[in-house]
Amino acid sequence: CSACSGAIDKNLQKIPSITNVKIN
């Protein structure tokens, strides 16, 4: 579901070297 992609997105955004995340 979208909560799964949201969890990945939220955790990757915490990493300073990752600037943009788009997950379908």
PDB file of all heavy atoms in Angstrom:
ATOM      1  N   CYS A   1       0.845  -1.191   0.000  1.00  0.00           N
ATOM      2  CA  CYS A   1       0.000   0.000   0.000  1.00  0.00           C
ATOM      3  C   CYS A   1       0.883   1.246   0.000  1.00  0.00           C
ATOM      4  O   CYS A   1       2.105   1.162   0.034  1.00  0.00           O
ATOM      5  CB  CYS A   1      -0.909  -0.006   1.223  1.00  0.00           C
ATOM      6  SG  CYS A   1      -0.002  -0.053   2.786  1.00  0.00           S
ATOM      7  N   SER A   2       0.238   2.390   0.011  1.00  0.00           N
ATOM      8  CA  SER A   2       0.995   3.640   0.005  1.00  0.00           C
ATOM      9  C   SER A   2       1.705   3.874   1.337  1.00  0.00           C
ATOM     10  O   SER A   2       2.692   4.611   1.385  1.00  0.00           O
ATOM     11  CB  SER A   2       0.074   4.816  -0.313  1.00  0.00           C
ATOM     12  OG  SER A   2      -0.935   4.924   0.664  1.00  0.00           O
ATOM     13  N   ALA A   3       1.239   3.247   2.410  1.00  0.00           N
ATOM     14  CA  ALA A   3       1.930   3.377   3.691  1.00  0.00           C
ATOM     15  C   ALA A   3       3.307   2.720   3.627  1.00  0.00           C
ATOM     16  O   ALA A   3       4.255   3.178   4.269  1.00  0.00           O
ATOM     17  CB  ALA A   3       1.103   2.754   4.808  1.00  0.00           C
ATOM     18  N   CYS A   4       3.419   1.648   2.845  1.00  0.00           N
ATOM     19  CA  CYS A   4       4.715   0.987   2.670  1.00  0.00           C
ATOM     20  C   CYS A   4       5.694   1.925   1.977  1.00  0.00           C
ATOM     21  O   CYS A   4       6.827   2.107   2.436  1.00  0.00           O
ATOM     22  CB  CYS A   4       4.571  -0.290   1.849  1.00  0.00           C
ATOM     23  SG  CYS A   4       3.534  -1.554   2.602  1.00  0.00           S
ATOM     24  N   SER A   5       5.267   2.523   0.876  1.00  0.00           N
ATOM     25  CA  SER A   5       6.152   3.444   0.165  1.00  0.00           C
ATOM     26  C   SER A   5       6.422   4.688   1.011  1.00  0.00           C
ATOM     27  O   SER A   5       7.518   5.241   0.981  1.00  0.00           O
ATOM     28  CB  SER A   5       5.569   3.828  -1.196  1.00  0.00           C
ATOM     29  OG  SER A   5       4.342   4.489  -1.037  1.00  0.00           O
ATOM     30  N   GLY A   6       5.438   5.103   1.785  1.00  0.00           N
ATOM     31  CA  GLY A   6       5.638   6.244   2.675  1.00  0.00           C
ATOM     32  C   GLY A   6       6.664   5.969   3.753  1.00  0.00           C
ATOM     33  O   GLY A   6       7.447   6.855   4.118  1.00  0.00           O
ATOM     34  N   ALA A   7       6.684   4.744   4.270  1.00  0.00           N
ATOM     35  CA  ALA A   7       7.670   4.378   5.293  1.00  0.00           C
ATOM     36  C   ALA A   7       9.082   4.406   4.712  1.00  0.00           C
ATOM     37  O   ALA A   7      10.023   4.895   5.350  1.00  0.00           O
ATOM     38  CB  ALA A   7       7.357   2.998   5.852  1.00  0.00           C
ATOM     39  N   ILE A   8       9.224   3.887   3.503  1.00  0.00           N
ATOM     40  CA  ILE A   8      10.539   3.913   2.846  1.00  0.00           C
ATOM     41  C   ILE A   8      10.956   5.356   2.598  1.00  0.00           C
ATOM     42  O   ILE A   8      12.087   5.748   2.900  1.00  0.00           O
ATOM     43  CB  ILE A   8      10.507   3.122   1.524  1.00  0.00           C
ATOM     44  CG1 ILE A   8      10.206   1.656   1.784  1.00  0.00           C
ATOM     45  CG2 ILE A   8      11.826   3.271   0.784  1.00  0.00           C
ATOM     46  CD1 ILE A   8       9.896   0.856   0.526  1.00  0.00           C
ATOM     47  N   ASP A   9      10.045   6.148   2.057  1.00  0.00           N
ATOM     48  CA  ASP A   9      10.321   7.552   1.746  1.00  0.00           C
ATOM     49  C   ASP A   9      10.750   8.302   3.007  1.00  0.00           C
ATOM     50  O   ASP A   9      11.761   9.016   3.012  1.00  0.00           O
ATOM     51  CB  ASP A   9       9.073   8.186   1.141  1.00  0.00           C
ATOM     52  CG  ASP A   9       9.317   9.568   0.569  1.00  0.00           C
ATOM     53  OD1 ASP A   9      10.337  10.198   0.897  1.00  0.00           O
ATOM     54  OD2 ASP A   9       8.480  10.028  -0.223  1.00  0.00           O
ATOM     55  N   LYS A  10       9.988   8.144   4.079  1.00  0.00           N
ATOM     56  CA  LYS A  10      10.268   8.856   5.327  1.00  0.00           C
ATOM     57  C   LYS A  10      11.649   8.509   5.877  1.00  0.00           C
ATOM     58  O   LYS A  10      12.393   9.384   6.316  1.00  0.00           O
ATOM     59  CB  LYS A  10       9.189   8.525   6.358  1.00  0.00           C
ATOM     60  CG  LYS A  10       9.331   9.269   7.675  1.00  0.00           C
ATOM     61  CD  LYS A  10       8.243   8.907   8.637  1.00  0.00           C
ATOM     62  CE  LYS A  10       8.728   7.751   9.478  1.00  0.00           C
ATOM     63  NZ  LYS A  10       7.848   7.398  10.590  1.00  0.00           N
ATOM     64  N   ASN A  11      11.994   7.226   5.829  1.00  0.00           N
ATOM     65  CA  ASN A  11      13.283   6.809   6.376  1.00  0.00           C
ATOM     66  C   ASN A  11      14.452   7.214   5.479  1.00  0.00           C
ATOM     67  O   ASN A  11      15.529   7.518   5.985  1.00  0.00           O
ATOM     68  CB  ASN A  11      13.282   5.301   6.621  1.00  0.00           C
ATOM     69  CG  ASN A  11      12.453   4.955   7.834  1.00  0.00           C
ATOM     70  OD1 ASN A  11      12.770   5.354   8.936  1.00  0.00           O
ATOM     71  ND2 ASN A  11      11.364   4.253   7.626  1.00  0.00           N
ATOM     72  N   LEU A  12      14.252   7.217   4.168  1.00  0.00           N
ATOM     73  CA  LEU A  12      15.331   7.650   3.277  1.00  0.00           C
ATOM     74  C   LEU A  12      15.549   9.154   3.360  1.00  0.00           C
ATOM     75  O   LEU A  12      16.684   9.624   3.188  1.00  0.00           O
ATOM     76  CB  LEU A  12      15.025   7.235   1.838  1.00  0.00           C
ATOM     77  CG  LEU A  12      15.142   5.752   1.513  1.00  0.00           C
ATOM     78  CD1 LEU A  12      14.766   5.491   0.064  1.00  0.00           C
ATOM     79  CD2 LEU A  12      16.550   5.238   1.790  1.00  0.00           C
ATOM     80  N   GLN A  13      14.503   9.923   3.614  1.00  0.00           N
ATOM     81  CA  GLN A  13      14.644  11.376   3.724  1.00  0.00           C
ATOM     82  C   GLN A  13      15.495  11.775   4.936  1.00  0.00           C
ATOM     83  O   GLN A  13      16.041  12.880   4.965  1.00  0.00           O
ATOM     84  CB  GLN A  13      13.269  12.048   3.817  1.00  0.00           C
ATOM     85  CG  GLN A  13      12.428  11.936   2.578  1.00  0.00           C
ATOM     86  CD  GLN A  13      12.953  12.770   1.418  1.00  0.00           C
ATOM     87  OE1 GLN A  13      13.827  13.606   1.564  1.00  0.00           O
ATOM     88  NE2 GLN A  13      12.402  12.513   0.243  1.00  0.00           N
ATOM     89  N   LYS A  14      15.606  10.887   5.910  1.00  0.00           N
ATOM     90  CA  LYS A  14      16.417  11.170   7.099  1.00  0.00           C
ATOM     91  C   LYS A  14      17.919  11.127   6.805  1.00  0.00           C
ATOM     92  O   LYS A  14      18.710  11.640   7.578  1.00  0.00           O
ATOM     93  CB  LYS A  14      16.096  10.156   8.204  1.00  0.00           C
ATOM     94  CG  LYS A  14      14.710  10.264   8.769  1.00  0.00           C
ATOM     95  CD  LYS A  14      14.476   9.190   9.817  1.00  0.00           C
ATOM     96  CE  LYS A  14      13.051   9.189  10.319  1.00  0.00           C
ATOM     97  NZ  LYS A  14      12.821   8.078  11.268  1.00  0.00           N
ATOM     98  N   ILE A  15      18.289  10.510   5.694  1.00  0.00           N
ATOM     99  CA  ILE A  15      19.704  10.359   5.354  1.00  0.00           C
ATOM    100  C   ILE A  15      20.153  11.618   4.612  1.00  0.00           C
ATOM    101  O   ILE A  15      19.586  11.960   3.567  1.00  0.00           O
ATOM    102  CB  ILE A  15      19.921   9.093   4.508  1.00  0.00           C
ATOM    103  CG1 ILE A  15      19.473   7.882   5.317  1.00  0.00           C
ATOM    104  CG2 ILE A  15      21.363   8.973   4.073  1.00  0.00           C
ATOM    105  CD1 ILE A  15      19.375   6.614   4.531  1.00  0.00           C
ATOM    106  N   PRO A  16      21.173  12.331   5.132  1.00  0.00           N
ATOM    107  CA  PRO A  16      21.564  13.619   4.535  1.00  0.00           C
ATOM    108  C   PRO A  16      22.061  13.520   3.094  1.00  0.00           C
ATOM    109  O   PRO A  16      21.911  14.471   2.331  1.00  0.00           O
ATOM    110  CB  PRO A  16      22.686  14.120   5.444  1.00  0.00           C
ATOM    111  CG  PRO A  16      22.729  13.217   6.605  1.00  0.00           C
ATOM    112  CD  PRO A  16      21.936  12.004   6.319  1.00  0.00           C
ATOM    113  N   SER A  17      22.648  12.408   2.692  1.00  0.00           N
ATOM    114  CA  SER A  17      23.203  12.304   1.342  1.00  0.00           C
ATOM    115  C   SER A  17      22.135  11.978   0.284  1.00  0.00           C
ATOM    116  O   SER A  17      22.425  11.976  -0.896  1.00  0.00           O
ATOM    117  CB  SER A  17      24.310  11.258   1.311  1.00  0.00           C
ATOM    118  OG  SER A  17      23.835  10.030   1.787  1.00  0.00           O
ATOM    119  N   ILE A  18      20.895  11.727   0.717  1.00  0.00           N
ATOM    120  CA  ILE A  18      19.797  11.477  -0.217  1.00  0.00           C
ATOM    121  C   ILE A  18      18.956  12.750  -0.291  1.00  0.00           C
ATOM    122  O   ILE A  18      18.473  13.247   0.722  1.00  0.00           O
ATOM    123  CB  ILE A  18      18.951  10.268   0.230  1.00  0.00           C
ATOM    124  CG1 ILE A  18      19.801   9.002   0.146  1.00  0.00           C
ATOM    125  CG2 ILE A  18      17.703  10.149  -0.624  1.00  0.00           C
ATOM    126  CD1 ILE A  18      19.118   7.755   0.608  1.00  0.00           C
ATOM    127  N   THR A  19      18.801  13.264  -1.519  1.00  0.00           N
ATOM    128  CA  THR A  19      18.142  14.558  -1.670  1.00  0.00           C
ATOM    129  C   THR A  19      16.696  14.474  -2.130  1.00  0.00           C
ATOM    130  O   THR A  19      15.899  15.319  -1.775  1.00  0.00           O
ATOM    131  CB  THR A  19      18.925  15.439  -2.671  1.00  0.00           C
ATOM    132  OG1 THR A  19      19.021  14.743  -3.909  1.00  0.00           O
ATOM    133  CG2 THR A  19      20.324  15.740  -2.135  1.00  0.00           C
ATOM    134  N   ASN A  20      16.357  13.480  -2.935  1.00  0.00           N
ATOM    135  CA  ASN A  20      15.003  13.402  -3.469  1.00  0.00           C
ATOM    136  C   ASN A  20      14.599  11.934  -3.607  1.00  0.00           C
ATOM    137  O   ASN A  20      15.378  11.127  -4.107  1.00  0.00           O
ATOM    138  CB  ASN A  20      14.926  14.107  -4.824  1.00  0.00           C
ATOM    139  CG  ASN A  20      13.511  14.275  -5.303  1.00  0.00           C
ATOM    140  OD1 ASN A  20      12.560  14.051  -4.573  1.00  0.00           O
ATOM    141  ND2 ASN A  20      13.366  14.660  -6.558  1.00  0.00           N
ATOM    142  N   VAL A  21      13.396  11.615  -3.189  1.00  0.00           N
ATOM    143  CA  VAL A  21      12.895  10.241  -3.256  1.00  0.00           C
ATOM    144  C   VAL A  21      11.512  10.252  -3.893  1.00  0.00           C
ATOM    145  O   VAL A  21      10.629  10.997  -3.462  1.00  0.00           O
ATOM    146  CB  VAL A  21      12.806   9.606  -1.845  1.00  0.00           C
ATOM    147  CG1 VAL A  21      12.240   8.209  -1.920  1.00  0.00           C
ATOM    148  CG2 VAL A  21      14.148   9.617  -1.160  1.00  0.00           C
ATOM    149  N   LYS A  22      11.343   9.449  -4.931  1.00  0.00           N
ATOM    150  CA  LYS A  22      10.032   9.259  -5.559  1.00  0.00           C
ATOM    151  C   LYS A  22       9.796   7.761  -5.673  1.00  0.00           C
ATOM    152  O   LYS A  22      10.541   7.069  -6.353  1.00  0.00           O
ATOM    153  CB  LYS A  22       9.982   9.912  -6.935  1.00  0.00           C
ATOM    154  CG  LYS A  22      10.012  11.411  -6.877  1.00  0.00           C
ATOM    155  CD  LYS A  22       9.875  12.028  -8.245  1.00  0.00           C
ATOM    156  CE  LYS A  22       9.947  13.534  -8.108  1.00  0.00           C
ATOM    157  NZ  LYS A  22       9.875  14.199  -9.397  1.00  0.00           N
ATOM    158  N   ILE A  23       8.759   7.277  -4.993  1.00  0.00           N
ATOM    159  CA  ILE A  23       8.460   5.847  -4.977  1.00  0.00           C
ATOM    160  C   ILE A  23       7.030   5.643  -5.449  1.00  0.00           C
ATOM    161  O   ILE A  23       6.106   6.288  -4.960  1.00  0.00           O
ATOM    162  CB  ILE A  23       8.636   5.252  -3.571  1.00  0.00           C
ATOM    163  CG1 ILE A  23      10.074   5.457  -3.091  1.00  0.00           C
ATOM    164  CG2 ILE A  23       8.268   3.781  -3.563  1.00  0.00           C
ATOM    165  CD1 ILE A  23      10.307   5.062  -1.665  1.00  0.00           C
ATOM    166  N   ASN A  24       6.864   4.731  -6.385  1.00  0.00           N
ATOM    167  CA  ASN A  24       5.540   4.358  -6.865  1.00  0.00           C
ATOM    168  C   ASN A  24       5.203   2.991  -6.270  1.00  0.00           C
ATOM    169  O   ASN A  24       5.798   1.981  -6.640  1.00  0.00           O
ATOM    170  CB  ASN A  24       5.518   4.299  -8.391  1.00  0.00           C
ATOM    171  CG  ASN A  24       4.140   4.077  -8.947  1.00  0.00           C
ATOM    172  OD1 ASN A  24       3.286   3.470  -8.313  1.00  0.00           O
ATOM    173  ND2 ASN A  24       3.927   4.579 -10.147  1.00  0.00           N
TER     174      ASN A  24
END
